[in-house]
PDB file of N, CA and C in Angstrom:
ATOM      1  N   MET A   1       4.665 -42.388 -14.202  1.00  0.00           N
ATOM      2  CA  MET A   1       3.281 -42.087 -14.463  1.00  0.00           C
ATOM      3  C   MET A   1       3.130 -41.725 -15.912  1.00  0.00           C
ATOM      4  N   PRO A   2       1.991 -42.004 -16.534  1.00  0.00           N
ATOM      5  CA  PRO A   2       1.777 -41.658 -17.938  1.00  0.00           C
ATOM      6  C   PRO A   2       1.598 -40.141 -18.093  1.00  0.00           C
ATOM      7  N   ARG A   3       2.113 -39.640 -19.206  1.00  0.00           N
ATOM      8  CA  ARG A   3       1.852 -38.230 -19.495  1.00  0.00           C
ATOM      9  C   ARG A   3       0.482 -38.051 -20.073  1.00  0.00           C
ATOM     10  N   LEU A   4      -0.139 -36.983 -19.841  1.00  0.00           N
ATOM     11  CA  LEU A   4      -1.493 -36.744 -20.346  1.00  0.00           C
ATOM     12  C   LEU A   4      -1.450 -36.116 -21.743  1.00  0.00           C
ATOM     13  N   ASP A   5      -0.363 -35.399 -22.051  1.00  0.00           N
ATOM     14  CA  ASP A   5      -0.294 -34.670 -23.310  1.00  0.00           C
ATOM     15  C   ASP A   5       0.334 -35.484 -24.456  1.00  0.00           C
ATOM     16  N   ARG A   6       0.902 -36.640 -24.174  1.00  0.00           N
ATOM     17  CA  ARG A   6       1.470 -37.543 -25.220  1.00  0.00           C
ATOM     18  C   ARG A   6       1.662 -38.900 -24.655  1.00  0.00           C
ATOM     19  N   ASP A   7       1.893 -39.870 -25.534  1.00  0.00           N
ATOM     20  CA  ASP A   7       1.998 -41.232 -25.154  1.00  0.00           C
ATOM     21  C   ASP A   7       3.429 -41.592 -24.660  1.00  0.00           C
ATOM     22  N   GLU A   8       3.787 -41.047 -23.518  1.00  0.00           N
ATOM     23  CA  GLU A   8       5.072 -41.247 -22.956  1.00  0.00           C
ATOM     24  C   GLU A   8       4.940 -41.347 -21.395  1.00  0.00           C
ATOM     25  N   LYS A   9       5.973 -41.836 -20.763  1.00  0.00           N
ATOM     26  CA  LYS A   9       5.986 -41.885 -19.303  1.00  0.00           C
ATOM     27  C   LYS A   9       6.841 -40.778 -18.771  1.00  0.00           C
ATOM     28  N   MET A  10       6.513 -40.291 -17.606  1.00  0.00           N
ATOM     29  CA  MET A  10       7.341 -39.312 -16.927  1.00  0.00           C
ATOM     30  C   MET A  10       7.462 -39.725 -15.461  1.00  0.00           C
ATOM     31  N   ALA A  11       8.406 -39.137 -14.780  1.00  0.00           N
ATOM     32  CA  ALA A  11       8.599 -39.467 -13.333  1.00  0.00           C
ATOM     33  C   ALA A  11       8.803 -38.194 -12.576  1.00  0.00           C
ATOM     34  N   TYR A  12       8.579 -38.257 -11.280  1.00  0.00           N
ATOM     35  CA  TYR A  12       8.788 -37.144 -10.405  1.00  0.00           C
ATOM     36  C   TYR A  12       9.581 -37.649  -9.208  1.00  0.00           C
ATOM     37  N   PHE A  13      10.617 -36.914  -8.850  1.00  0.00           N
ATOM     38  CA  PHE A  13      11.258 -37.226  -7.572  1.00  0.00           C
ATOM     39  C   PHE A  13      11.172 -36.049  -6.649  1.00  0.00           C
ATOM     40  N   TYR A  14      10.878 -36.374  -5.406  1.00  0.00           N
ATOM     41  CA  TYR A  14      10.519 -35.392  -4.430  1.00  0.00           C
ATOM     42  C   TYR A  14      11.710 -34.756  -3.716  1.00  0.00           C
ATOM     43  N   GLU A  15      12.644 -35.566  -3.341  1.00  0.00           N
ATOM     44  CA  GLU A  15      13.744 -35.069  -2.526  1.00  0.00           C
ATOM     45  C   GLU A  15      14.957 -35.978  -2.598  1.00  0.00           C
ATOM     46  N   ILE A  16      16.097 -35.383  -2.463  1.00  0.00           N
ATOM     47  CA  ILE A  16      17.326 -36.141  -2.369  1.00  0.00           C
ATOM     48  C   ILE A  16      18.152 -35.593  -1.216  1.00  0.00           C
ATOM     49  N   GLU A  17      18.713 -36.423  -0.466  1.00  0.00           N
ATOM     50  CA  GLU A  17      19.431 -35.974   0.739  1.00  0.00           C
ATOM     51  C   GLU A  17      20.730 -36.771   0.898  1.00  0.00           C
ATOM     52  N   VAL A  18      21.760 -36.126   1.276  1.00  0.00           N
ATOM     53  CA  VAL A  18      23.043 -36.780   1.573  1.00  0.00           C
ATOM     54  C   VAL A  18      23.424 -36.325   2.985  1.00  0.00           C
ATOM     55  N   CYS A  19      23.867 -37.244   3.810  1.00  0.00           N
ATOM     56  CA  CYS A  19      24.298 -36.927   5.171  1.00  0.00           C
ATOM     57  C   CYS A  19      25.364 -35.824   5.115  1.00  0.00           C
ATOM     58  N   PRO A  20      25.294 -34.865   6.043  1.00  0.00           N
ATOM     59  CA  PRO A  20      26.210 -33.729   5.989  1.00  0.00           C
ATOM     60  C   PRO A  20      27.675 -34.091   5.846  1.00  0.00           C
ATOM     61  N   GLN A  21      28.110 -35.130   6.530  1.00  0.00           N
ATOM     62  CA  GLN A  21      29.534 -35.474   6.505  1.00  0.00           C
ATOM     63  C   GLN A  21      29.956 -36.049   5.171  1.00  0.00           C
ATOM     64  N   PHE A  22      29.008 -36.392   4.298  1.00  0.00           N
ATOM     65  CA  PHE A  22      29.366 -36.965   2.997  1.00  0.00           C
ATOM     66  C   PHE A  22      29.051 -36.040   1.825  1.00  0.00           C
ATOM     67  N   ARG A  23      28.609 -34.861   2.105  1.00  0.00           N
ATOM     68  CA  ARG A  23      28.276 -33.921   1.045  1.00  0.00           C
ATOM     69  C   ARG A  23      29.517 -33.415   0.347  1.00  0.00           C
ATOM     70  N   ARG A  24      29.316 -32.897  -0.893  1.00  0.00           N
ATOM     71  CA  ARG A  24      30.387 -32.352  -1.738  1.00  0.00           C
ATOM     72  C   ARG A  24      31.371 -33.415  -2.177  1.00  0.00           C
ATOM     73  N   GLN A  25      30.898 -34.661  -2.307  1.00  0.00           N
ATOM     74  CA  GLN A  25      31.742 -35.736  -2.774  1.00  0.00           C
ATOM     75  C   GLN A  25      31.174 -36.382  -4.032  1.00  0.00           C
ATOM     76  N   GLY A  26      30.161 -35.787  -4.624  1.00  0.00           N
ATOM     77  CA  GLY A  26      29.604 -36.297  -5.851  1.00  0.00           C
ATOM     78  C   GLY A  26      28.519 -37.392  -5.673  1.00  0.00           C
ATOM     79  N   ILE A  27      28.130 -37.619  -4.429  1.00  0.00           N
ATOM     80  CA  ILE A  27      27.139 -38.664  -4.163  1.00  0.00           C
ATOM     81  C   ILE A  27      25.789 -38.334  -4.708  1.00  0.00           C
ATOM     82  N   ALA A  28      25.318 -37.102  -4.488  1.00  0.00           N
ATOM     83  CA  ALA A  28      23.997 -36.718  -5.022  1.00  0.00           C
ATOM     84  C   ALA A  28      24.002 -36.741  -6.533  1.00  0.00           C
ATOM     85  N   THR A  29      25.060 -36.281  -7.140  1.00  0.00           N
ATOM     86  CA  THR A  29      25.145 -36.324  -8.580  1.00  0.00           C
ATOM     87  C   THR A  29      25.066 -37.749  -9.106  1.00  0.00           C
ATOM     88  N   ALA A  30      25.796 -38.619  -8.464  1.00  0.00           N
ATOM     89  CA  ALA A  30      25.734 -40.053  -8.854  1.00  0.00           C
ATOM     90  C   ALA A  30      24.359 -40.646  -8.677  1.00  0.00           C
ATOM     91  N   MET A  31      23.657 -40.255  -7.584  1.00  0.00           N
ATOM     92  CA  MET A  31      22.318 -40.775  -7.368  1.00  0.00           C
ATOM     93  C   MET A  31      21.346 -40.264  -8.447  1.00  0.00           C
ATOM     94  N   VAL A  32      21.417 -38.974  -8.794  1.00  0.00           N
ATOM     95  CA  VAL A  32      20.571 -38.442  -9.841  1.00  0.00           C
ATOM     96  C   VAL A  32      20.824 -39.138 -11.179  1.00  0.00           C
ATOM     97  N   ASN A  33      22.105 -39.292 -11.508  1.00  0.00           N
ATOM     98  CA  ASN A  33      22.443 -39.944 -12.749  1.00  0.00           C
ATOM     99  C   ASN A  33      22.002 -41.398 -12.785  1.00  0.00           C
ATOM    100  N   GLU A  34      22.138 -42.089 -11.696  1.00  0.00           N
ATOM    101  CA  GLU A  34      21.631 -43.500 -11.632  1.00  0.00           C
ATOM    102  C   GLU A  34      20.128 -43.516 -11.751  1.00  0.00           C
ATOM    103  N   LEU A  35      19.445 -42.612 -11.087  1.00  0.00           N
ATOM    104  CA  LEU A  35      17.987 -42.534 -11.235  1.00  0.00           C
ATOM    105  C   LEU A  35      17.584 -42.362 -12.703  1.00  0.00           C
ATOM    106  N   LYS A  36      18.236 -41.396 -13.379  1.00  0.00           N
ATOM    107  CA  LYS A  36      17.940 -41.168 -14.775  1.00  0.00           C
ATOM    108  C   LYS A  36      18.203 -42.421 -15.614  1.00  0.00           C
ATOM    109  N   HIS A  37      19.307 -43.121 -15.354  1.00  0.00           N
ATOM    110  CA  HIS A  37      19.623 -44.358 -16.080  1.00  0.00           C
ATOM    111  C   HIS A  37      18.522 -45.377 -15.854  1.00  0.00           C
ATOM    112  N   CYS A  38      18.126 -45.604 -14.646  1.00  0.00           N
ATOM    113  CA  CYS A  38      17.070 -46.609 -14.298  1.00  0.00           C
ATOM    114  C   CYS A  38      15.745 -46.211 -14.988  1.00  0.00           C
ATOM    115  N   LEU A  39      15.411 -44.965 -14.960  1.00  0.00           N
ATOM    116  CA  LEU A  39      14.154 -44.516 -15.588  1.00  0.00           C
ATOM    117  C   LEU A  39      14.172 -44.711 -17.102  1.00  0.00           C
ATOM    118  N   ARG A  40      15.330 -44.353 -17.687  1.00  0.00           N
ATOM    119  CA  ARG A  40      15.465 -44.557 -19.149  1.00  0.00           C
ATOM    120  C   ARG A  40      15.242 -45.984 -19.522  1.00  0.00           C
ATOM    121  N   SER A  41      15.791 -46.927 -18.724  1.00  0.00           N
ATOM    122  CA  SER A  41      15.647 -48.350 -19.040  1.00  0.00           C
ATOM    123  C   SER A  41      14.236 -48.845 -18.865  1.00  0.00           C
ATOM    124  N   GLN A  42      13.427 -48.063 -18.206  1.00  0.00           N
ATOM    125  CA  GLN A  42      11.968 -48.397 -18.034  1.00  0.00           C
ATOM    126  C   GLN A  42      11.086 -47.646 -18.997  1.00  0.00           C
ATOM    127  N   GLY A  43      11.667 -46.904 -19.930  1.00  0.00           N
ATOM    128  CA  GLY A  43      10.896 -46.195 -20.926  1.00  0.00           C
ATOM    129  C   GLY A  43      10.361 -44.846 -20.525  1.00  0.00           C
ATOM    130  N   VAL A  44      10.943 -44.283 -19.459  1.00  0.00           N
ATOM    131  CA  VAL A  44      10.536 -42.960 -18.982  1.00  0.00           C
ATOM    132  C   VAL A  44      11.287 -41.928 -19.794  1.00  0.00           C
ATOM    133  N   SER A  45      10.573 -40.933 -20.318  1.00  0.00           N
ATOM    134  CA  SER A  45      11.187 -39.953 -21.185  1.00  0.00           C
ATOM    135  C   SER A  45      11.504 -38.616 -20.503  1.00  0.00           C
ATOM    136  N   SER A  46      10.818 -38.325 -19.422  1.00  0.00           N
ATOM    137  CA  SER A  46      11.118 -37.047 -18.745  1.00  0.00           C
ATOM    138  C   SER A  46      10.911 -37.229 -17.211  1.00  0.00           C
ATOM    139  N   LEU A  47      11.628 -36.395 -16.510  1.00  0.00           N
ATOM    140  CA  LEU A  47      11.668 -36.427 -15.064  1.00  0.00           C
ATOM    141  C   LEU A  47      11.571 -34.994 -14.562  1.00  0.00           C
ATOM    142  N   TRP A  48      10.761 -34.801 -13.530  1.00  0.00           N
ATOM    143  CA  TRP A  48      10.699 -33.448 -12.964  1.00  0.00           C
ATOM    144  C   TRP A  48      10.890 -33.493 -11.471  1.00  0.00           C
ATOM    145  N   VAL A  49      11.391 -32.375 -10.980  1.00  0.00           N
ATOM    146  CA  VAL A  49      11.686 -32.243  -9.568  1.00  0.00           C
ATOM    147  C   VAL A  49      11.329 -30.821  -9.120  1.00  0.00           C
ATOM    148  N   GLY A  50      10.806 -30.685  -7.945  1.00  0.00           N
ATOM    149  CA  GLY A  50      10.481 -29.378  -7.407  1.00  0.00           C
ATOM    150  C   GLY A  50      11.398 -29.009  -6.285  1.00  0.00           C
ATOM    151  N   THR A  51      11.689 -27.735  -6.167  1.00  0.00           N
ATOM    152  CA  THR A  51      12.494 -27.216  -5.066  1.00  0.00           C
ATOM    153  C   THR A  51      12.164 -25.757  -4.852  1.00  0.00           C
ATOM    154  N   GLU A  52      12.527 -25.240  -3.722  1.00  0.00           N
ATOM    155  CA  GLU A  52      12.319 -23.831  -3.443  1.00  0.00           C
ATOM    156  C   GLU A  52      13.282 -23.010  -4.295  1.00  0.00           C
ATOM    157  N   SER A  53      12.862 -21.839  -4.696  1.00  0.00           N
ATOM    158  CA  SER A  53      13.664 -20.997  -5.577  1.00  0.00           C
ATOM    159  C   SER A  53      14.930 -20.496  -4.879  1.00  0.00           C
ATOM    160  N   ASN A  54      14.984 -20.537  -3.561  1.00  0.00           N
ATOM    161  CA  ASN A  54      16.192 -20.093  -2.845  1.00  0.00           C
ATOM    162  C   ASN A  54      17.056 -21.265  -2.376  1.00  0.00           C
ATOM    163  N   ASN A  55      16.754 -22.448  -2.796  1.00  0.00           N
ATOM    164  CA  ASN A  55      17.551 -23.639  -2.399  1.00  0.00           C
ATOM    165  C   ASN A  55      18.686 -23.795  -3.405  1.00  0.00           C
ATOM    166  N   THR A  56      19.697 -22.997  -3.224  1.00  0.00           N
ATOM    167  CA  THR A  56      20.812 -22.956  -4.158  1.00  0.00           C
ATOM    168  C   THR A  56      21.553 -24.307  -4.322  1.00  0.00           C
ATOM    169  N   PRO A  57      21.830 -25.035  -3.247  1.00  0.00           N
ATOM    170  CA  PRO A  57      22.475 -26.332  -3.459  1.00  0.00           C
ATOM    171  C   PRO A  57      21.652 -27.281  -4.341  1.00  0.00           C
ATOM    172  N   ALA A  58      20.332 -27.335  -4.098  1.00  0.00           N
ATOM    173  CA  ALA A  58      19.470 -28.228  -4.898  1.00  0.00           C
ATOM    174  C   ALA A  58      19.434 -27.747  -6.355  1.00  0.00           C
ATOM    175  N   LEU A  59      19.271 -26.443  -6.541  1.00  0.00           N
ATOM    176  CA  LEU A  59      19.232 -25.924  -7.918  1.00  0.00           C
ATOM    177  C   LEU A  59      20.515 -26.220  -8.661  1.00  0.00           C
ATOM    178  N   SER A  60      21.640 -26.069  -7.993  1.00  0.00           N
ATOM    179  CA  SER A  60      22.927 -26.369  -8.625  1.00  0.00           C
ATOM    180  C   SER A  60      23.062 -27.822  -8.993  1.00  0.00           C
ATOM    181  N   LEU A  61      22.613 -28.707  -8.077  1.00  0.00           N
ATOM    182  CA  LEU A  61      22.666 -30.146  -8.368  1.00  0.00           C
ATOM    183  C   LEU A  61      21.809 -30.463  -9.573  1.00  0.00           C
ATOM    184  N   TYR A  62      20.567 -30.046  -9.564  1.00  0.00           N
ATOM    185  CA  TYR A  62      19.645 -30.410 -10.636  1.00  0.00           C
ATOM    186  C   TYR A  62      20.141 -29.835 -11.970  1.00  0.00           C
ATOM    187  N   GLN A  63      20.537 -28.569 -11.978  1.00  0.00           N
ATOM    188  CA  GLN A  63      20.977 -27.987 -13.224  1.00  0.00           C
ATOM    189  C   GLN A  63      22.263 -28.624 -13.701  1.00  0.00           C
ATOM    190  N   SER A  64      23.161 -28.993 -12.794  1.00  0.00           N
ATOM    191  CA  SER A  64      24.419 -29.601 -13.241  1.00  0.00           C
ATOM    192  C   SER A  64      24.258 -31.018 -13.758  1.00  0.00           C
ATOM    193  N   THR A  65      23.102 -31.616 -13.444  1.00  0.00           N
ATOM    194  CA  THR A  65      22.793 -32.976 -13.956  1.00  0.00           C
ATOM    195  C   THR A  65      21.809 -32.955 -15.110  1.00  0.00           C
ATOM    196  N   GLY A  66      21.586 -31.755 -15.673  1.00  0.00           N
ATOM    197  CA  GLY A  66      20.810 -31.689 -16.924  1.00  0.00           C
ATOM    198  C   GLY A  66      19.426 -31.143 -16.814  1.00  0.00           C
ATOM    199  N   ALA A  67      18.934 -30.749 -15.649  1.00  0.00           N
ATOM    200  CA  ALA A  67      17.579 -30.220 -15.503  1.00  0.00           C
ATOM    201  C   ALA A  67      17.561 -28.785 -16.003  1.00  0.00           C
ATOM    202  N   VAL A  68      16.428 -28.395 -16.534  1.00  0.00           N
ATOM    203  CA  VAL A  68      16.196 -27.069 -17.029  1.00  0.00           C
ATOM    204  C   VAL A  68      15.052 -26.451 -16.241  1.00  0.00           C
ATOM    205  N   ARG A  69      15.290 -25.272 -15.713  1.00  0.00           N
ATOM    206  CA  ARG A  69      14.261 -24.599 -14.905  1.00  0.00           C
ATOM    207  C   ARG A  69      13.161 -24.051 -15.823  1.00  0.00           C
ATOM    208  N   GLU A  70      11.943 -24.305 -15.450  1.00  0.00           N
ATOM    209  CA  GLU A  70      10.816 -23.780 -16.221  1.00  0.00           C
ATOM    210  C   GLU A  70      10.563 -22.362 -15.757  1.00  0.00           C
ATOM    211  N   PRO A  71      10.701 -21.398 -16.641  1.00  0.00           N
ATOM    212  CA  PRO A  71      10.561 -19.969 -16.225  1.00  0.00           C
ATOM    213  C   PRO A  71       9.250 -19.631 -15.589  1.00  0.00           C
ATOM    214  N   GLU A  72       8.167 -20.218 -16.122  1.00  0.00           N
ATOM    215  CA  GLU A  72       6.870 -19.854 -15.568  1.00  0.00           C
ATOM    216  C   GLU A  72       6.496 -20.663 -14.303  1.00  0.00           C
ATOM    217  N   LEU A  73       7.261 -21.742 -14.056  1.00  0.00           N
ATOM    218  CA  LEU A  73       7.030 -22.583 -12.891  1.00  0.00           C
ATOM    219  C   LEU A  73       8.260 -22.514 -11.994  1.00  0.00           C
ATOM    220  N   ILE A  74       8.335 -21.544 -11.138  1.00  0.00           N
ATOM    221  CA  ILE A  74       9.589 -21.238 -10.463  1.00  0.00           C
ATOM    222  C   ILE A  74      10.075 -22.368  -9.555  1.00  0.00           C
ATOM    223  N   HIS A  75       9.245 -23.342  -9.208  1.00  0.00           N
ATOM    224  CA  HIS A  75       9.653 -24.375  -8.313  1.00  0.00           C
ATOM    225  C   HIS A  75       9.918 -25.718  -9.044  1.00  0.00           C
ATOM    226  N   GLU A  76       9.882 -25.689 -10.351  1.00  0.00           N
ATOM    227  CA  GLU A  76      10.032 -26.950 -11.070  1.00  0.00           C
ATOM    228  C   GLU A  76      11.226 -26.919 -12.024  1.00  0.00           C
ATOM    229  N   LEU A  77      11.866 -28.038 -12.100  1.00  0.00           N
ATOM    230  CA  LEU A  77      12.943 -28.235 -13.090  1.00  0.00           C
ATOM    231  C   LEU A  77      12.633 -29.536 -13.820  1.00  0.00           C
ATOM    232  N   TRP A  78      12.962 -29.583 -15.093  1.00  0.00           N
ATOM    233  CA  TRP A  78      12.651 -30.743 -15.914  1.00  0.00           C
ATOM    234  C   TRP A  78      13.909 -31.350 -16.513  1.00  0.00           C
ATOM    235  N   TYR A  79      13.946 -32.658 -16.564  1.00  0.00           N
ATOM    236  CA  TYR A  79      14.982 -33.385 -17.344  1.00  0.00           C
ATOM    237  C   TYR A  79      14.169 -33.960 -18.512  1.00  0.00           C
ATOM    238  N   ASN A  80      14.391 -33.464 -19.735  1.00  0.00           N
ATOM    239  CA  ASN A  80      13.694 -33.961 -20.871  1.00  0.00           C
ATOM    240  C   ASN A  80      14.611 -34.882 -21.664  1.00  0.00           C
ATOM    241  N   ASN A  81      13.969 -35.854 -22.337  1.00  0.00           N
ATOM    242  CA  ASN A  81      14.727 -36.833 -23.141  1.00  0.00           C
ATOM    243  C   ASN A  81      15.836 -37.487 -22.321  1.00  0.00           C
ATOM    244  N   ILE A  82      15.477 -37.980 -21.166  1.00  0.00           N
ATOM    245  CA  ILE A  82      16.469 -38.618 -20.299  1.00  0.00           C
ATOM    246  C   ILE A  82      16.934 -39.897 -20.896  1.00  0.00           C
TER     247      ILE A  82
END
């Protein structure tokens, strides 16, 4: 989607899920990194994701793949300059 504050594209992803028996094998990390790669190739400059503030596994995944939590927006994390 186009950004309203500047002439760039941004993307939002809603949810990522890995079947329980395949968790903790790097699959979600690989999916996020592939998503970022695909978006970069399409000219997208930033990506945001929302999650609950107590969803520790999701927060760990997003932060370990480069997202930064917005202090004033407790449910949002941003990947800038992807």
